[in-house]
């Protein structure tokens, strides 16, 4: 599985329209930013610190448009999953709120064990 963090508003739009709206960063870079399990903690801490009303989406790569998912070098030389197409609602297998923790980092309700604030 791979992950996408988005606003509650964007998740509601995805449910209504059948695809996730592109964030400002996604539009700027011309692909949808996703994270592998081992990258999720760094993504949340770096890009979503202090942001409230977020959702964590678990995405099944097998349900994405064929050939649109590319693993490309990004932060720290690691390869990140980048989706060069719309993210369809049917690719999201789980979605849950990621409320802010006391340290200002969104708590991840599920995901890999190394994720901050994982609920057990």
N, C-alpha and C. Protein backbone atom coordinates (compact mmCIF):
# COMPACT_ATOMS: atom_id res chain seq x y z
N UNK A 1 0.83 -1.18 0.00
CA UNK A 1 0.00 0.00 0.00
C UNK A 1 0.88 1.25 0.00
N UNK A 2 0.31 2.33 -0.53
CA UNK A 2 0.95 3.63 -0.49
C UNK A 2 -0.05 4.61 0.11
N UNK A 3 0.41 5.80 0.45
CA UNK A 3 -0.42 6.72 1.22
C UNK A 3 -0.47 8.11 0.61
N UNK A 4 -1.61 8.78 0.85
CA UNK A 4 -1.81 10.17 0.47
C UNK A 4 -2.40 10.89 1.67
N UNK A 5 -1.88 12.05 1.97
CA UNK A 5 -2.44 12.90 3.00
C UNK A 5 -3.12 14.06 2.29
N UNK A 6 -4.34 14.33 2.68
CA UNK A 6 -5.10 15.39 2.03
C UNK A 6 -6.01 16.06 3.04
N UNK A 7 -6.62 17.15 2.64
CA UNK A 7 -7.58 17.83 3.51
C UNK A 7 -8.89 17.06 3.56
N UNK A 8 -9.64 17.26 4.62
CA UNK A 8 -10.97 16.67 4.73
C UNK A 8 -11.82 17.15 3.55
N UNK A 9 -11.70 18.43 3.21
CA UNK A 9 -12.46 19.00 2.09
C UNK A 9 -12.17 18.26 0.79
N UNK A 10 -10.88 17.98 0.52
CA UNK A 10 -10.53 17.25 -0.71
C UNK A 10 -11.05 15.82 -0.69
N UNK A 11 -11.04 15.18 0.49
CA UNK A 11 -11.57 13.82 0.57
C UNK A 11 -13.07 13.81 0.29
N UNK A 12 -13.79 14.79 0.83
CA UNK A 12 -15.23 14.88 0.55
C UNK A 12 -15.48 15.09 -0.94
N UNK A 13 -14.65 15.93 -1.57
CA UNK A 13 -14.78 16.16 -3.02
C UNK A 13 -14.49 14.87 -3.79
N UNK A 14 -13.53 14.08 -3.33
CA UNK A 14 -13.20 12.81 -3.97
C UNK A 14 -14.39 11.86 -3.90
N UNK A 15 -15.02 11.80 -2.75
CA UNK A 15 -16.18 10.93 -2.60
C UNK A 15 -17.32 11.39 -3.52
N UNK A 16 -17.47 12.68 -3.66
CA UNK A 16 -18.55 13.23 -4.49
C UNK A 16 -18.25 13.08 -5.98
N UNK A 17 -17.00 13.38 -6.38
CA UNK A 17 -16.65 13.47 -7.80
C UNK A 17 -15.96 12.24 -8.37
N UNK A 18 -15.55 11.31 -7.48
CA UNK A 18 -14.91 10.09 -7.96
C UNK A 18 -13.41 10.19 -8.17
N UNK A 19 -12.83 11.34 -7.87
CA UNK A 19 -11.37 11.51 -7.99
C UNK A 19 -10.93 12.57 -6.99
N UNK A 20 -9.70 12.43 -6.49
CA UNK A 20 -9.16 13.37 -5.52
C UNK A 20 -8.69 14.63 -6.22
N UNK A 21 -9.09 15.81 -5.75
CA UNK A 21 -8.55 17.04 -6.34
C UNK A 21 -7.04 17.12 -6.12
N UNK A 22 -6.37 17.75 -7.05
CA UNK A 22 -4.92 17.92 -6.94
C UNK A 22 -4.63 19.07 -5.97
N UNK A 23 -3.67 18.87 -5.07
CA UNK A 23 -3.24 19.94 -4.16
C UNK A 23 -2.42 20.96 -4.94
N UNK A 24 -2.13 22.08 -4.31
CA UNK A 24 -1.28 23.10 -4.95
C UNK A 24 0.09 22.51 -5.29
N UNK A 25 0.66 21.71 -4.39
CA UNK A 25 1.96 21.08 -4.65
C UNK A 25 1.87 20.09 -5.81
N UNK A 26 0.77 19.34 -5.86
CA UNK A 26 0.58 18.38 -6.95
C UNK A 26 0.50 19.11 -8.29
N UNK A 27 -0.27 20.19 -8.33
CA UNK A 27 -0.40 20.97 -9.58
C UNK A 27 0.95 21.57 -9.99
N UNK A 28 1.68 22.09 -9.00
CA UNK A 28 2.99 22.69 -9.29
C UNK A 28 3.95 21.68 -9.91
N UNK A 29 3.95 20.46 -9.39
CA UNK A 29 4.91 19.45 -9.84
C UNK A 29 4.36 18.53 -10.93
N UNK A 30 3.09 18.69 -11.28
CA UNK A 30 2.43 17.94 -12.36
C UNK A 30 2.31 16.44 -12.08
N UNK A 31 2.19 16.07 -10.80
CA UNK A 31 1.89 14.70 -10.40
C UNK A 31 1.35 14.74 -8.98
N UNK A 32 0.65 13.68 -8.59
CA UNK A 32 0.13 13.58 -7.23
C UNK A 32 1.19 12.93 -6.35
N UNK A 33 1.53 13.64 -5.28
CA UNK A 33 2.53 13.16 -4.33
C UNK A 33 1.93 12.09 -3.42
N UNK A 34 2.61 10.97 -3.35
CA UNK A 34 2.23 9.86 -2.48
C UNK A 34 3.46 9.46 -1.66
N UNK A 35 3.25 8.62 -0.65
CA UNK A 35 4.36 8.14 0.17
C UNK A 35 4.28 6.64 0.34
N UNK A 36 5.44 6.01 0.33
CA UNK A 36 5.55 4.60 0.70
C UNK A 36 5.46 4.53 2.23
N UNK A 37 5.21 3.36 2.79
CA UNK A 37 5.08 3.25 4.25
C UNK A 37 6.27 3.84 5.01
N UNK A 38 7.49 3.56 4.58
CA UNK A 38 8.66 4.04 5.31
C UNK A 38 8.88 5.55 5.15
N UNK A 39 8.18 6.19 4.25
CA UNK A 39 8.33 7.63 4.01
C UNK A 39 7.27 8.47 4.70
N UNK A 40 6.24 7.83 5.21
CA UNK A 40 5.09 8.55 5.72
C UNK A 40 5.42 9.48 6.88
N UNK A 41 6.21 9.01 7.83
CA UNK A 41 6.57 9.83 8.99
C UNK A 41 7.25 11.13 8.57
N UNK A 42 8.23 11.05 7.68
CA UNK A 42 8.93 12.24 7.22
C UNK A 42 8.03 13.19 6.44
N UNK A 43 7.14 12.63 5.63
CA UNK A 43 6.21 13.45 4.86
C UNK A 43 5.30 14.25 5.78
N UNK A 44 4.74 13.59 6.77
CA UNK A 44 3.84 14.26 7.70
C UNK A 44 4.57 15.37 8.45
N UNK A 45 5.75 15.06 8.99
CA UNK A 45 6.49 16.04 9.78
C UNK A 45 6.96 17.22 8.94
N UNK A 46 7.35 16.97 7.70
CA UNK A 46 7.90 18.04 6.86
C UNK A 46 6.82 18.91 6.21
N UNK A 47 5.77 18.29 5.71
CA UNK A 47 4.81 19.03 4.89
C UNK A 47 3.48 19.34 5.57
N UNK A 48 3.19 18.73 6.71
CA UNK A 48 1.87 18.91 7.30
C UNK A 48 1.90 19.36 8.75
N UNK A 49 3.04 19.78 9.24
CA UNK A 49 3.19 20.26 10.60
C UNK A 49 2.21 21.40 10.86
N UNK A 50 1.42 21.28 11.91
CA UNK A 50 0.48 22.33 12.30
C UNK A 50 -0.81 22.37 11.50
N UNK A 51 -0.96 21.50 10.52
CA UNK A 51 -2.18 21.50 9.70
C UNK A 51 -3.22 20.59 10.32
N UNK A 52 -4.41 21.12 10.44
CA UNK A 52 -5.52 20.38 11.02
C UNK A 52 -6.49 19.96 9.93
N UNK A 53 -7.44 19.12 10.28
CA UNK A 53 -8.47 18.66 9.36
C UNK A 53 -7.88 17.95 8.14
N UNK A 54 -7.03 16.97 8.44
CA UNK A 54 -6.40 16.17 7.41
C UNK A 54 -6.93 14.75 7.43
N UNK A 55 -6.79 14.09 6.30
CA UNK A 55 -7.15 12.69 6.16
C UNK A 55 -5.93 11.90 5.70
N UNK A 56 -5.82 10.67 6.17
CA UNK A 56 -4.82 9.74 5.66
C UNK A 56 -5.55 8.74 4.79
N UNK A 57 -5.13 8.66 3.53
CA UNK A 57 -5.73 7.72 2.59
C UNK A 57 -4.75 6.59 2.32
N UNK A 58 -5.24 5.37 2.39
CA UNK A 58 -4.44 4.20 2.03
C UNK A 58 -4.86 3.82 0.62
N UNK A 59 -3.88 3.76 -0.27
CA UNK A 59 -4.14 3.58 -1.70
C UNK A 59 -3.55 2.25 -2.16
N UNK A 60 -4.36 1.51 -2.89
CA UNK A 60 -3.90 0.24 -3.48
C UNK A 60 -3.31 0.54 -4.85
N UNK A 61 -2.00 0.38 -5.02
CA UNK A 61 -1.36 0.69 -6.31
C UNK A 61 -1.95 -0.10 -7.48
N UNK A 62 -2.49 -1.29 -7.20
CA UNK A 62 -3.08 -2.12 -8.26
C UNK A 62 -4.35 -1.50 -8.84
N UNK A 63 -4.95 -0.57 -8.12
CA UNK A 63 -6.20 0.06 -8.56
C UNK A 63 -5.98 1.41 -9.25
N UNK A 64 -4.73 1.77 -9.45
CA UNK A 64 -4.41 3.04 -10.11
C UNK A 64 -4.36 2.83 -11.62
N UNK A 65 -4.51 3.92 -12.38
CA UNK A 65 -4.42 3.79 -13.85
C UNK A 65 -3.08 3.16 -14.25
N UNK A 66 -3.15 2.19 -15.14
CA UNK A 66 -1.96 1.45 -15.56
C UNK A 66 -0.90 2.40 -16.12
N UNK A 67 0.33 2.25 -15.64
CA UNK A 67 1.46 3.03 -16.12
C UNK A 67 1.57 4.43 -15.56
N UNK A 68 0.62 4.84 -14.72
CA UNK A 68 0.62 6.22 -14.21
C UNK A 68 1.45 6.38 -12.93
N UNK A 69 1.71 5.29 -12.21
CA UNK A 69 2.49 5.36 -10.98
C UNK A 69 3.97 5.18 -11.31
N UNK A 70 4.76 6.16 -10.91
CA UNK A 70 6.21 6.10 -11.15
C UNK A 70 6.93 6.34 -9.83
N UNK A 71 7.98 5.56 -9.61
CA UNK A 71 8.82 5.72 -8.42
C UNK A 71 10.00 6.59 -8.83
N UNK A 72 10.00 7.84 -8.34
CA UNK A 72 10.99 8.82 -8.78
C UNK A 72 11.77 9.36 -7.60
N UNK A 73 13.04 9.68 -7.85
CA UNK A 73 13.92 10.19 -6.81
C UNK A 73 13.42 11.54 -6.32
N UNK A 74 13.38 11.67 -4.99
CA UNK A 74 12.93 12.90 -4.37
C UNK A 74 13.73 13.12 -3.09
N UNK A 75 13.07 13.51 -2.02
CA UNK A 75 13.71 13.88 -0.75
C UNK A 75 14.75 12.85 -0.31
N UNK A 76 15.96 13.33 -0.06
CA UNK A 76 17.03 12.48 0.44
C UNK A 76 17.49 11.41 -0.51
N UNK A 77 17.18 11.54 -1.79
CA UNK A 77 17.58 10.55 -2.78
C UNK A 77 16.71 9.31 -2.80
N UNK A 78 15.68 9.28 -1.96
CA UNK A 78 14.77 8.13 -1.91
C UNK A 78 13.79 8.21 -3.08
N UNK A 79 13.33 7.07 -3.53
CA UNK A 79 12.32 7.03 -4.60
C UNK A 79 10.93 7.07 -3.97
N UNK A 80 10.14 8.05 -4.40
CA UNK A 80 8.78 8.24 -3.92
C UNK A 80 7.78 7.86 -5.00
N UNK A 81 6.60 7.36 -4.60
CA UNK A 81 5.56 7.08 -5.59
C UNK A 81 4.89 8.38 -6.03
N UNK A 82 4.91 8.63 -7.31
CA UNK A 82 4.28 9.81 -7.91
C UNK A 82 3.25 9.34 -8.92
N UNK A 83 2.05 9.84 -8.79
CA UNK A 83 0.97 9.45 -9.68
C UNK A 83 0.78 10.50 -10.76
N UNK A 84 1.04 10.12 -11.99
CA UNK A 84 0.93 11.03 -13.14
C UNK A 84 -0.44 10.85 -13.79
N UNK A 85 -1.47 10.96 -12.96
CA UNK A 85 -2.87 10.84 -13.39
C UNK A 85 -3.73 11.21 -12.19
N UNK A 86 -5.03 11.26 -12.38
CA UNK A 86 -5.93 11.49 -11.27
C UNK A 86 -5.93 10.28 -10.34
N UNK A 87 -6.17 10.53 -9.06
CA UNK A 87 -6.31 9.46 -8.08
C UNK A 87 -7.79 9.12 -7.97
N UNK A 88 -8.20 7.96 -8.51
CA UNK A 88 -9.62 7.59 -8.48
C UNK A 88 -10.06 7.14 -7.09
N UNK A 89 -11.29 7.42 -6.76
CA UNK A 89 -11.87 7.04 -5.47
C UNK A 89 -11.74 5.54 -5.23
N UNK A 90 -11.93 4.76 -6.27
CA UNK A 90 -11.89 3.30 -6.09
C UNK A 90 -10.50 2.76 -5.73
N UNK A 91 -9.46 3.56 -5.86
CA UNK A 91 -8.12 3.14 -5.47
C UNK A 91 -7.88 3.30 -3.96
N UNK A 92 -8.73 4.07 -3.30
CA UNK A 92 -8.59 4.31 -1.86
C UNK A 92 -9.30 3.19 -1.11
N UNK A 93 -8.53 2.41 -0.35
CA UNK A 93 -9.10 1.27 0.36
C UNK A 93 -9.42 1.60 1.81
N UNK A 94 -8.86 2.69 2.33
CA UNK A 94 -9.15 3.11 3.70
C UNK A 94 -8.85 4.59 3.81
N UNK A 95 -9.70 5.29 4.57
CA UNK A 95 -9.50 6.72 4.82
C UNK A 95 -9.93 7.02 6.24
N UNK A 96 -9.10 7.81 6.93
CA UNK A 96 -9.42 8.14 8.31
C UNK A 96 -8.79 9.48 8.65
N UNK A 97 -9.43 10.21 9.57
CA UNK A 97 -8.93 11.51 10.01
C UNK A 97 -7.56 11.37 10.65
N UNK A 98 -6.72 12.38 10.45
CA UNK A 98 -5.38 12.46 11.05
C UNK A 98 -5.31 13.74 11.88
N UNK A 99 -5.84 13.70 13.11
CA UNK A 99 -5.88 14.92 13.94
C UNK A 99 -4.49 15.33 14.42
N UNK A 100 -4.36 16.61 14.76
CA UNK A 100 -3.09 17.10 15.26
C UNK A 100 -2.77 16.52 16.63
N UNK A 101 -1.51 16.13 16.80
CA UNK A 101 -1.05 15.70 18.11
C UNK A 101 -0.58 16.91 18.89
N UNK A 102 -0.22 16.74 20.15
CA UNK A 102 0.23 17.86 20.98
C UNK A 102 1.50 18.53 20.48
N UNK A 103 2.28 17.81 19.66
CA UNK A 103 3.51 18.38 19.09
C UNK A 103 3.27 19.08 17.76
N UNK A 104 2.01 19.17 17.33
CA UNK A 104 1.69 19.84 16.07
C UNK A 104 1.82 18.95 14.84
N UNK A 105 2.21 17.69 15.03
CA UNK A 105 2.32 16.75 13.92
C UNK A 105 1.02 15.95 13.85
N UNK A 106 0.42 15.84 12.67
CA UNK A 106 -0.80 15.03 12.56
C UNK A 106 -0.55 13.58 13.01
N UNK A 107 -1.49 13.07 13.79
CA UNK A 107 -1.42 11.67 14.25
C UNK A 107 -2.00 10.78 13.16
N UNK A 108 -1.30 9.73 12.86
CA UNK A 108 -1.73 8.83 11.81
C UNK A 108 -2.53 7.69 12.43
N UNK A 109 -3.80 7.54 12.03
CA UNK A 109 -4.66 6.54 12.64
C UNK A 109 -4.33 5.10 12.24
N UNK A 110 -3.56 4.93 11.19
CA UNK A 110 -3.13 3.61 10.75
C UNK A 110 -1.90 3.81 9.89
N UNK A 111 -1.29 2.74 9.48
CA UNK A 111 -0.09 2.84 8.66
C UNK A 111 1.02 2.03 9.27
N UNK A 112 2.22 2.27 8.82
CA UNK A 112 3.36 1.48 9.29
C UNK A 112 3.67 1.78 10.76
N UNK A 113 4.26 0.84 11.48
CA UNK A 113 4.56 1.02 12.91
C UNK A 113 5.43 2.23 13.20
N UNK A 114 6.28 2.65 12.28
CA UNK A 114 7.16 3.79 12.54
C UNK A 114 6.44 5.13 12.40
N UNK A 115 5.16 5.10 12.11
CA UNK A 115 4.41 6.35 11.96
C UNK A 115 4.18 6.99 13.32
N UNK A 116 4.32 8.33 13.39
CA UNK A 116 4.10 9.00 14.67
C UNK A 116 2.62 8.91 15.06
N UNK A 117 2.37 8.69 16.33
CA UNK A 117 1.01 8.72 16.83
C UNK A 117 0.13 7.58 16.38
N UNK A 118 0.72 6.49 15.96
CA UNK A 118 -0.10 5.38 15.50
C UNK A 118 -0.99 4.89 16.63
N UNK A 119 -2.23 4.68 16.36
CA UNK A 119 -3.16 4.15 17.35
C UNK A 119 -3.14 2.64 17.27
N UNK A 120 -3.06 1.99 18.41
CA UNK A 120 -3.03 0.53 18.43
C UNK A 120 -4.27 -0.02 19.09
